[in-house]
Amino acid sequence: RPAFHTLVDVRRLAAGGHLATPRDAPPGKARAAAWFRDIGDDVDTAMLRRLRDALEHL
């Protein structure tokens, strides 16, 4: 089945009370994957990281 229809089914189950939704802790700040953090510190990578950080703060 396509993923969209699966998500719709999960939403319907949760709305009907048939599926527990965890709400214990708020989500923390997302971290980049280790392979992405270890790419390097060249000029292009540094610029892309600054751009990513700026977009996250919007």
N, C-alpha and C. Protein backbone atom coordinates (compact mmCIF):
# COMPACT_ATOMS: atom_id res chain seq x y z
N ARG A 1 0.84 -1.19 0.00
CA ARG A 1 0.00 0.00 0.00
C ARG A 1 0.88 1.24 0.00
N PRO A 2 0.42 2.25 -0.66
CA PRO A 2 1.18 3.51 -0.62
C PRO A 2 1.24 4.06 0.80
N ALA A 3 2.30 4.78 1.07
CA ALA A 3 2.53 5.30 2.43
C ALA A 3 1.43 6.26 2.85
N PHE A 4 0.90 7.05 1.92
CA PHE A 4 -0.13 8.02 2.28
C PHE A 4 -1.34 7.33 2.88
N HIS A 5 -1.78 6.25 2.26
CA HIS A 5 -2.97 5.55 2.74
C HIS A 5 -2.70 4.90 4.10
N THR A 6 -1.49 4.45 4.31
CA THR A 6 -1.13 3.89 5.61
C THR A 6 -1.19 4.96 6.69
N LEU A 7 -0.67 6.16 6.38
CA LEU A 7 -0.73 7.26 7.35
C LEU A 7 -2.16 7.67 7.65
N VAL A 8 -3.01 7.65 6.64
CA VAL A 8 -4.43 7.98 6.86
C VAL A 8 -5.06 6.93 7.78
N ASP A 9 -4.75 5.66 7.56
CA ASP A 9 -5.29 4.61 8.41
C ASP A 9 -4.81 4.76 9.86
N VAL A 10 -3.54 5.08 10.04
CA VAL A 10 -2.99 5.27 11.38
C VAL A 10 -3.68 6.44 12.06
N ARG A 11 -3.91 7.52 11.32
CA ARG A 11 -4.59 8.68 11.90
C ARG A 11 -6.01 8.32 12.34
N ARG A 12 -6.70 7.55 11.52
CA ARG A 12 -8.07 7.14 11.86
C ARG A 12 -8.08 6.25 13.10
N LEU A 13 -7.12 5.33 13.18
CA LEU A 13 -7.04 4.47 14.36
C LEU A 13 -6.75 5.28 15.62
N ALA A 14 -5.85 6.25 15.51
CA ALA A 14 -5.53 7.10 16.67
C ALA A 14 -6.72 7.95 17.06
N ALA A 15 -7.45 8.48 16.09
CA ALA A 15 -8.61 9.31 16.38
C ALA A 15 -9.71 8.49 17.04
N GLY A 16 -9.81 7.22 16.68
CA GLY A 16 -10.83 6.35 17.26
C GLY A 16 -10.43 5.77 18.60
N GLY A 17 -9.22 6.07 19.06
CA GLY A 17 -8.78 5.56 20.35
C GLY A 17 -8.25 4.14 20.30
N HIS A 18 -8.03 3.61 19.11
CA HIS A 18 -7.54 2.24 18.97
C HIS A 18 -6.02 2.16 18.95
N LEU A 19 -5.38 3.31 18.94
CA LEU A 19 -3.93 3.36 18.86
C LEU A 19 -3.43 4.39 19.85
N ALA A 20 -2.54 3.99 20.73
CA ALA A 20 -2.02 4.92 21.73
C ALA A 20 -0.96 5.82 21.10
N THR A 21 -1.06 7.10 21.39
CA THR A 21 -0.07 8.05 20.90
C THR A 21 0.74 8.55 22.08
N PRO A 22 2.06 8.31 22.09
CA PRO A 22 2.88 8.74 23.23
C PRO A 22 3.01 10.25 23.28
N ARG A 23 2.80 10.81 24.46
CA ARG A 23 2.93 12.25 24.65
C ARG A 23 3.73 12.56 25.92
N ASP A 24 4.62 11.65 26.31
CA ASP A 24 5.37 11.81 27.55
C ASP A 24 6.33 12.98 27.51
N ALA A 25 7.20 13.00 26.54
CA ALA A 25 8.23 14.03 26.49
C ALA A 25 8.16 14.77 25.16
N PRO A 26 8.35 16.07 25.18
CA PRO A 26 8.38 16.80 23.92
C PRO A 26 9.62 16.41 23.12
N PRO A 27 9.55 16.46 21.81
CA PRO A 27 10.71 16.08 21.01
C PRO A 27 11.87 17.04 21.24
N GLY A 28 13.06 16.50 21.28
CA GLY A 28 14.26 17.31 21.47
C GLY A 28 14.72 17.91 20.16
N LYS A 29 15.80 18.65 20.24
CA LYS A 29 16.35 19.25 19.03
C LYS A 29 16.92 18.15 18.15
N ALA A 30 16.56 18.18 16.90
CA ALA A 30 17.03 17.17 15.95
C ALA A 30 18.52 17.35 15.70
N ARG A 31 19.21 16.23 15.63
CA ARG A 31 20.64 16.27 15.36
C ARG A 31 20.90 15.66 13.99
N ALA A 32 21.91 16.15 13.35
CA ALA A 32 22.29 15.60 12.05
C ALA A 32 22.93 14.23 12.25
N ALA A 33 22.84 13.42 11.22
CA ALA A 33 23.45 12.10 11.28
C ALA A 33 24.97 12.22 11.40
N ALA A 34 25.60 11.20 11.97
CA ALA A 34 27.04 11.25 12.20
C ALA A 34 27.81 11.41 10.90
N TRP A 35 27.36 10.73 9.82
CA TRP A 35 28.08 10.85 8.55
C TRP A 35 28.02 12.26 8.01
N PHE A 36 26.94 12.99 8.32
CA PHE A 36 26.82 14.36 7.83
C PHE A 36 27.71 15.30 8.64
N ARG A 37 27.82 15.07 9.93
CA ARG A 37 28.68 15.92 10.76
C ARG A 37 30.14 15.73 10.44
N ASP A 38 30.51 14.56 9.92
CA ASP A 38 31.91 14.24 9.63
C ASP A 38 32.30 14.50 8.18
N ILE A 39 31.49 15.22 7.43
CA ILE A 39 31.79 15.46 6.02
C ILE A 39 33.10 16.23 5.88
N GLY A 40 33.27 17.24 6.66
CA GLY A 40 34.49 18.03 6.57
C GLY A 40 34.17 19.48 6.85
N ASP A 41 35.22 20.28 6.88
CA ASP A 41 35.05 21.70 7.17
C ASP A 41 35.53 22.57 6.02
N ASP A 42 35.41 22.09 4.79
CA ASP A 42 35.82 22.94 3.68
C ASP A 42 34.85 24.10 3.52
N VAL A 43 35.18 25.02 2.65
CA VAL A 43 34.40 26.26 2.51
C VAL A 43 32.96 25.97 2.08
N ASP A 44 32.77 25.08 1.11
CA ASP A 44 31.42 24.79 0.63
C ASP A 44 30.56 24.17 1.73
N THR A 45 31.12 23.25 2.48
CA THR A 45 30.37 22.61 3.55
C THR A 45 30.03 23.60 4.65
N ALA A 46 30.97 24.47 4.98
CA ALA A 46 30.72 25.47 6.01
C ALA A 46 29.61 26.41 5.58
N MET A 47 29.59 26.81 4.30
CA MET A 47 28.54 27.69 3.81
C MET A 47 27.17 26.99 3.88
N LEU A 48 27.13 25.73 3.48
CA LEU A 48 25.87 24.99 3.53
C LEU A 48 25.38 24.82 4.96
N ARG A 49 26.29 24.60 5.88
CA ARG A 49 25.89 24.47 7.29
C ARG A 49 25.34 25.79 7.82
N ARG A 50 25.97 26.91 7.45
CA ARG A 50 25.46 28.21 7.89
C ARG A 50 24.08 28.47 7.29
N LEU A 51 23.90 28.10 6.03
CA LEU A 51 22.59 28.26 5.38
C LEU A 51 21.54 27.41 6.07
N ARG A 52 21.89 26.16 6.38
CA ARG A 52 20.96 25.27 7.08
C ARG A 52 20.57 25.84 8.44
N ASP A 53 21.57 26.31 9.19
CA ASP A 53 21.30 26.87 10.52
C ASP A 53 20.41 28.11 10.42
N ALA A 54 20.65 28.95 9.41
CA ALA A 54 19.83 30.15 9.24
C ALA A 54 18.39 29.78 8.90
N LEU A 55 18.21 28.79 8.05
CA LEU A 55 16.85 28.37 7.69
C LEU A 55 16.13 27.74 8.87
N GLU A 56 16.86 27.02 9.72
CA GLU A 56 16.23 26.42 10.90
C GLU A 56 15.75 27.47 11.89
N HIS A 57 16.39 28.64 11.90
CA HIS A 57 16.02 29.69 12.85
C HIS A 57 14.86 30.54 12.35
N LEU A 58 14.42 30.32 11.12
CA LEU A 58 13.29 31.11 10.60
C LEU A 58 11.99 30.69 11.21
